[in-house]
Amino acid sequence: MIEGNWQSQGMVILEFEDREHFERWYNSPEYQGILPLHLQATSGRLLLIKLDN
């Protein structure tokens, strides 16, 4: 963190080929099935960052 305030005790980084692959994963029945458990058990932020090659 260069500027601002981000208090985090951990971080998970997932890499996807492109936004379409991310959306396919995020909207998949498998992830949507566990998402309520994730949201109940944790608090945090989800960031989608696009890197230009």
PDB file of N, CA and C in Angstrom:
ATOM      1  N   MET A   1       0.857  -1.173   0.000  1.00  0.00           N
ATOM      2  CA  MET A   1       0.000   0.000   0.000  1.00  0.00           C
ATOM      3  C   MET A   1       0.893   1.222   0.000  1.00  0.00           C
ATOM      4  N   ILE A   2       0.789   2.011  -0.999  1.00  0.00           N
ATOM      5  CA  ILE A   2       1.621   3.198  -1.112  1.00  0.00           C
ATOM      6  C   ILE A   2       0.954   4.387  -0.436  1.00  0.00           C
ATOM      7  N   GLU A   3      -0.343   4.546  -0.661  1.00  0.00           N
ATOM      8  CA  GLU A   3      -1.085   5.647  -0.051  1.00  0.00           C
ATOM      9  C   GLU A   3      -2.386   5.119   0.528  1.00  0.00           C
ATOM     10  N   GLY A   4      -2.927   5.829   1.479  1.00  0.00           N
ATOM     11  CA  GLY A   4      -4.195   5.434   2.062  1.00  0.00           C
ATOM     12  C   GLY A   4      -4.027   4.456   3.196  1.00  0.00           C
ATOM     13  N   ASN A   5      -5.117   3.816   3.530  1.00  0.00           N
ATOM     14  CA  ASN A   5      -5.122   2.910   4.668  1.00  0.00           C
ATOM     15  C   ASN A   5      -5.814   1.617   4.272  1.00  0.00           C
ATOM     16  N   TRP A   6      -5.106   0.536   4.284  1.00  0.00           N
ATOM     17  CA  TRP A   6      -5.670  -0.764   3.995  1.00  0.00           C
ATOM     18  C   TRP A   6      -5.212  -1.701   5.096  1.00  0.00           C
ATOM     19  N   GLN A   7      -6.102  -1.972   6.015  1.00  0.00           N
ATOM     20  CA  GLN A   7      -5.785  -2.860   7.124  1.00  0.00           C
ATOM     21  C   GLN A   7      -6.214  -4.264   6.734  1.00  0.00           C
ATOM     22  N   SER A   8      -5.270  -5.110   6.474  1.00  0.00           N
ATOM     23  CA  SER A   8      -5.559  -6.463   6.032  1.00  0.00           C
ATOM     24  C   SER A   8      -4.724  -7.454   6.821  1.00  0.00           C
ATOM     25  N   GLN A   9      -5.338  -8.566   7.158  1.00  0.00           N
ATOM     26  CA  GLN A   9      -4.609  -9.619   7.855  1.00  0.00           C
ATOM     27  C   GLN A   9      -4.224 -10.736   6.899  1.00  0.00           C
ATOM     28  N   GLY A  10      -4.603 -10.603   5.655  1.00  0.00           N
ATOM     29  CA  GLY A  10      -4.264 -11.625   4.677  1.00  0.00           C
ATOM     30  C   GLY A  10      -4.750 -11.224   3.304  1.00  0.00           C
ATOM     31  N   MET A  11      -4.305 -11.980   2.320  1.00  0.00           N
ATOM     32  CA  MET A  11      -4.687 -11.671   0.958  1.00  0.00           C
ATOM     33  C   MET A  11      -4.666 -12.958   0.142  1.00  0.00           C
ATOM     34  N   VAL A  12      -5.629 -13.083  -0.743  1.00  0.00           N
ATOM     35  CA  VAL A  12      -5.674 -14.189  -1.692  1.00  0.00           C
ATOM     36  C   VAL A  12      -5.670 -13.568  -3.076  1.00  0.00           C
ATOM     37  N   ILE A  13      -4.791 -14.057  -3.941  1.00  0.00           N
ATOM     38  CA  ILE A  13      -4.711 -13.539  -5.303  1.00  0.00           C
ATOM     39  C   ILE A  13      -5.070 -14.671  -6.265  1.00  0.00           C
ATOM     40  N   LEU A  14      -6.048 -14.416  -7.108  1.00  0.00           N
ATOM     41  CA  LEU A  14      -6.432 -15.342  -8.161  1.00  0.00           C
ATOM     42  C   LEU A  14      -6.153 -14.670  -9.493  1.00  0.00           C
ATOM     43  N   GLU A  15      -5.655 -15.419 -10.449  1.00  0.00           N
ATOM     44  CA  GLU A  15      -5.346 -14.853 -11.763  1.00  0.00           C
ATOM     45  C   GLU A  15      -6.224 -15.539 -12.803  1.00  0.00           C
ATOM     46  N   PHE A  16      -6.815 -14.731 -13.670  1.00  0.00           N
ATOM     47  CA  PHE A  16      -7.669 -15.229 -14.742  1.00  0.00           C
ATOM     48  C   PHE A  16      -7.151 -14.705 -16.067  1.00  0.00           C
ATOM     49  N   GLU A  17      -7.403 -15.471 -17.103  1.00  0.00           N
ATOM     50  CA  GLU A  17      -6.940 -15.087 -18.436  1.00  0.00           C
ATOM     51  C   GLU A  17      -7.534 -13.751 -18.877  1.00  0.00           C
ATOM     52  N   ASP A  18      -8.807 -13.539 -18.578  1.00  0.00           N
ATOM     53  CA  ASP A  18      -9.479 -12.292 -18.928  1.00  0.00           C
ATOM     54  C   ASP A  18     -10.754 -12.172 -18.097  1.00  0.00           C
ATOM     55  N   ARG A  19     -11.484 -11.083 -18.299  1.00  0.00           N
ATOM     56  CA  ARG A  19     -12.694 -10.844 -17.501  1.00  0.00           C
ATOM     57  C   ARG A  19     -13.745 -11.924 -17.739  1.00  0.00           C
ATOM     58  N   GLU A  20     -13.827 -12.397 -18.952  1.00  0.00           N
ATOM     59  CA  GLU A  20     -14.801 -13.451 -19.265  1.00  0.00           C
ATOM     60  C   GLU A  20     -14.544 -14.697 -18.420  1.00  0.00           C
ATOM     61  N   HIS A  21     -13.283 -15.088 -18.277  1.00  0.00           N
ATOM     62  CA  HIS A  21     -12.944 -16.245 -17.453  1.00  0.00           C
ATOM     63  C   HIS A  21     -13.259 -15.983 -15.978  1.00  0.00           C
ATOM     64  N   PHE A  22     -12.986 -14.767 -15.519  1.00  0.00           N
ATOM     65  CA  PHE A  22     -13.330 -14.417 -14.141  1.00  0.00           C
ATOM     66  C   PHE A  22     -14.831 -14.535 -13.925  1.00  0.00           C
ATOM     67  N   GLU A  23     -15.615 -13.928 -14.826  1.00  0.00           N
ATOM     68  CA  GLU A  23     -17.063 -13.951 -14.668  1.00  0.00           C
ATOM     69  C   GLU A  23     -17.613 -15.368 -14.747  1.00  0.00           C
ATOM     70  N   ARG A  24     -17.046 -16.202 -15.587  1.00  0.00           N
ATOM     71  CA  ARG A  24     -17.470 -17.600 -15.671  1.00  0.00           C
ATOM     72  C   ARG A  24     -17.223 -18.302 -14.331  1.00  0.00           C
ATOM     73  N   TRP A  25     -16.040 -18.049 -13.724  1.00  0.00           N
ATOM     74  CA  TRP A  25     -15.743 -18.648 -12.421  1.00  0.00           C
ATOM     75  C   TRP A  25     -16.673 -18.090 -11.348  1.00  0.00           C
ATOM     76  N   TYR A  26     -16.797 -16.764 -11.284  1.00  0.00           N
ATOM     77  CA  TYR A  26     -17.572 -16.132 -10.221  1.00  0.00           C
ATOM     78  C   TYR A  26     -19.038 -16.557 -10.270  1.00  0.00           C
ATOM     79  N   ASN A  27     -19.586 -16.666 -11.460  1.00  0.00           N
ATOM     80  CA  ASN A  27     -20.998 -17.014 -11.630  1.00  0.00           C
ATOM     81  C   ASN A  27     -21.242 -18.515 -11.716  1.00  0.00           C
ATOM     82  N   SER A  28     -20.210 -19.316 -11.573  1.00  0.00           N
ATOM     83  CA  SER A  28     -20.370 -20.765 -11.680  1.00  0.00           C
ATOM     84  C   SER A  28     -21.228 -21.294 -10.530  1.00  0.00           C
ATOM     85  N   PRO A  29     -21.972 -22.357 -10.780  1.00  0.00           N
ATOM     86  CA  PRO A  29     -22.778 -22.957  -9.702  1.00  0.00           C
ATOM     87  C   PRO A  29     -21.913 -23.389  -8.513  1.00  0.00           C
ATOM     88  N   GLU A  30     -20.686 -23.816  -8.776  1.00  0.00           N
ATOM     89  CA  GLU A  30     -19.805 -24.254  -7.689  1.00  0.00           C
ATOM     90  C   GLU A  30     -19.456 -23.090  -6.761  1.00  0.00           C
ATOM     91  N   TYR A  31     -19.047 -21.955  -7.338  1.00  0.00           N
ATOM     92  CA  TYR A  31     -18.683 -20.822  -6.482  1.00  0.00           C
ATOM     93  C   TYR A  31     -19.921 -20.208  -5.847  1.00  0.00           C
ATOM     94  N   GLN A  32     -20.988 -20.061  -6.613  1.00  0.00           N
ATOM     95  CA  GLN A  32     -22.208 -19.482  -6.056  1.00  0.00           C
ATOM     96  C   GLN A  32     -22.753 -20.340  -4.917  1.00  0.00           C
ATOM     97  N   GLY A  33     -22.487 -21.651  -4.970  1.00  0.00           N
ATOM     98  CA  GLY A  33     -22.923 -22.541  -3.900  1.00  0.00           C
ATOM     99  C   GLY A  33     -22.213 -22.295  -2.583  1.00  0.00           C
ATOM    100  N   ILE A  34     -20.952 -21.887  -2.635  1.00  0.00           N
ATOM    101  CA  ILE A  34     -20.202 -21.631  -1.394  1.00  0.00           C
ATOM    102  C   ILE A  34     -20.144 -20.150  -1.030  1.00  0.00           C
ATOM    103  N   LEU A  35     -20.555 -19.277  -1.935  1.00  0.00           N
ATOM    104  CA  LEU A  35     -20.476 -17.835  -1.679  1.00  0.00           C
ATOM    105  C   LEU A  35     -21.199 -17.414  -0.406  1.00  0.00           C
ATOM    106  N   PRO A  36     -22.419 -17.903  -0.122  1.00  0.00           N
ATOM    107  CA  PRO A  36     -23.058 -17.497   1.141  1.00  0.00           C
ATOM    108  C   PRO A  36     -22.226 -17.857   2.369  1.00  0.00           C
ATOM    109  N   LEU A  37     -21.574 -19.010   2.348  1.00  0.00           N
ATOM    110  CA  LEU A  37     -20.711 -19.393   3.474  1.00  0.00           C
ATOM    111  C   LEU A  37     -19.516 -18.454   3.581  1.00  0.00           C
ATOM    112  N   HIS A  38     -18.935 -18.118   2.452  1.00  0.00           N
ATOM    113  CA  HIS A  38     -17.799 -17.190   2.414  1.00  0.00           C
ATOM    114  C   HIS A  38     -18.209 -15.847   3.010  1.00  0.00           C
ATOM    115  N   LEU A  39     -19.351 -15.328   2.590  1.00  0.00           N
ATOM    116  CA  LEU A  39     -19.793 -14.012   3.062  1.00  0.00           C
ATOM    117  C   LEU A  39     -20.143 -14.019   4.550  1.00  0.00           C
ATOM    118  N   GLN A  40     -20.645 -15.143   5.062  1.00  0.00           N
ATOM    119  CA  GLN A  40     -20.958 -15.237   6.491  1.00  0.00           C
ATOM    120  C   GLN A  40     -19.699 -15.364   7.340  1.00  0.00           C
ATOM    121  N   ALA A  41     -18.681 -16.016   6.804  1.00  0.00           N
ATOM    122  CA  ALA A  41     -17.491 -16.330   7.590  1.00  0.00           C
ATOM    123  C   ALA A  41     -16.411 -15.264   7.531  1.00  0.00           C
ATOM    124  N   THR A  42     -16.482 -14.381   6.547  1.00  0.00           N
ATOM    125  CA  THR A  42     -15.406 -13.414   6.367  1.00  0.00           C
ATOM    126  C   THR A  42     -15.966 -12.026   6.114  1.00  0.00           C
ATOM    127  N   SER A  43     -15.114 -11.057   6.274  1.00  0.00           N
ATOM    128  CA  SER A  43     -15.411  -9.699   5.814  1.00  0.00           C
ATOM    129  C   SER A  43     -14.189  -9.259   5.021  1.00  0.00           C
ATOM    130  N   GLY A  44     -14.418  -8.605   3.961  1.00  0.00           N
ATOM    131  CA  GLY A  44     -13.283  -8.197   3.148  1.00  0.00           C
ATOM    132  C   GLY A  44     -13.735  -7.510   1.883  1.00  0.00           C
ATOM    133  N   ARG A  45     -12.812  -7.412   0.957  1.00  0.00           N
ATOM    134  CA  ARG A  45     -13.062  -6.731  -0.306  1.00  0.00           C
ATOM    135  C   ARG A  45     -12.653  -7.646  -1.445  1.00  0.00           C
ATOM    136  N   LEU A  46     -13.365  -7.507  -2.536  1.00  0.00           N
ATOM    137  CA  LEU A  46     -13.011  -8.220  -3.749  1.00  0.00           C
ATOM    138  C   LEU A  46     -12.613  -7.173  -4.775  1.00  0.00           C
ATOM    139  N   LEU A  47     -11.397  -7.264  -5.260  1.00  0.00           N
ATOM    140  CA  LEU A  47     -10.897  -6.327  -6.251  1.00  0.00           C
ATOM    141  C   LEU A  47     -10.671  -7.058  -7.555  1.00  0.00           C
ATOM    142  N   LEU A  48     -11.060  -6.448  -8.649  1.00  0.00           N
ATOM    143  CA  LEU A  48     -10.760  -6.969  -9.970  1.00  0.00           C
ATOM    144  C   LEU A  48      -9.814  -5.972 -10.608  1.00  0.00           C
ATOM    145  N   ILE A  49      -8.614  -6.425 -10.891  1.00  0.00           N
ATOM    146  CA  ILE A  49      -7.570  -5.544 -11.422  1.00  0.00           C
ATOM    147  C   ILE A  49      -7.180  -6.044 -12.787  1.00  0.00           C
ATOM    148  N   LYS A  50      -7.225  -5.159 -13.769  1.00  0.00           N
ATOM    149  CA  LYS A  50      -6.823  -5.513 -15.127  1.00  0.00           C
ATOM    150  C   LYS A  50      -5.397  -5.025 -15.362  1.00  0.00           C
ATOM    151  N   LEU A  51      -4.560  -5.953 -15.744  1.00  0.00           N
ATOM    152  CA  LEU A  51      -3.172  -5.605 -16.059  1.00  0.00           C
ATOM    153  C   LEU A  51      -3.004  -5.599 -17.562  1.00  0.00           C
ATOM    154  N   ASP A  52      -2.482  -4.535 -18.107  1.00  0.00           N
ATOM    155  CA  ASP A  52      -2.193  -4.482 -19.536  1.00  0.00           C
ATOM    156  C   ASP A  52      -0.843  -5.119 -19.791  1.00  0.00           C
ATOM    157  N   ASN A  53      -0.805  -5.981 -20.777  1.00  0.00           N
ATOM    158  CA  ASN A  53       0.469  -6.643 -21.117  1.00  0.00           C
ATOM    159  C   ASN A  53       1.269  -5.809 -22.063  1.00  0.00           C
TER     160      ASN A  53
END
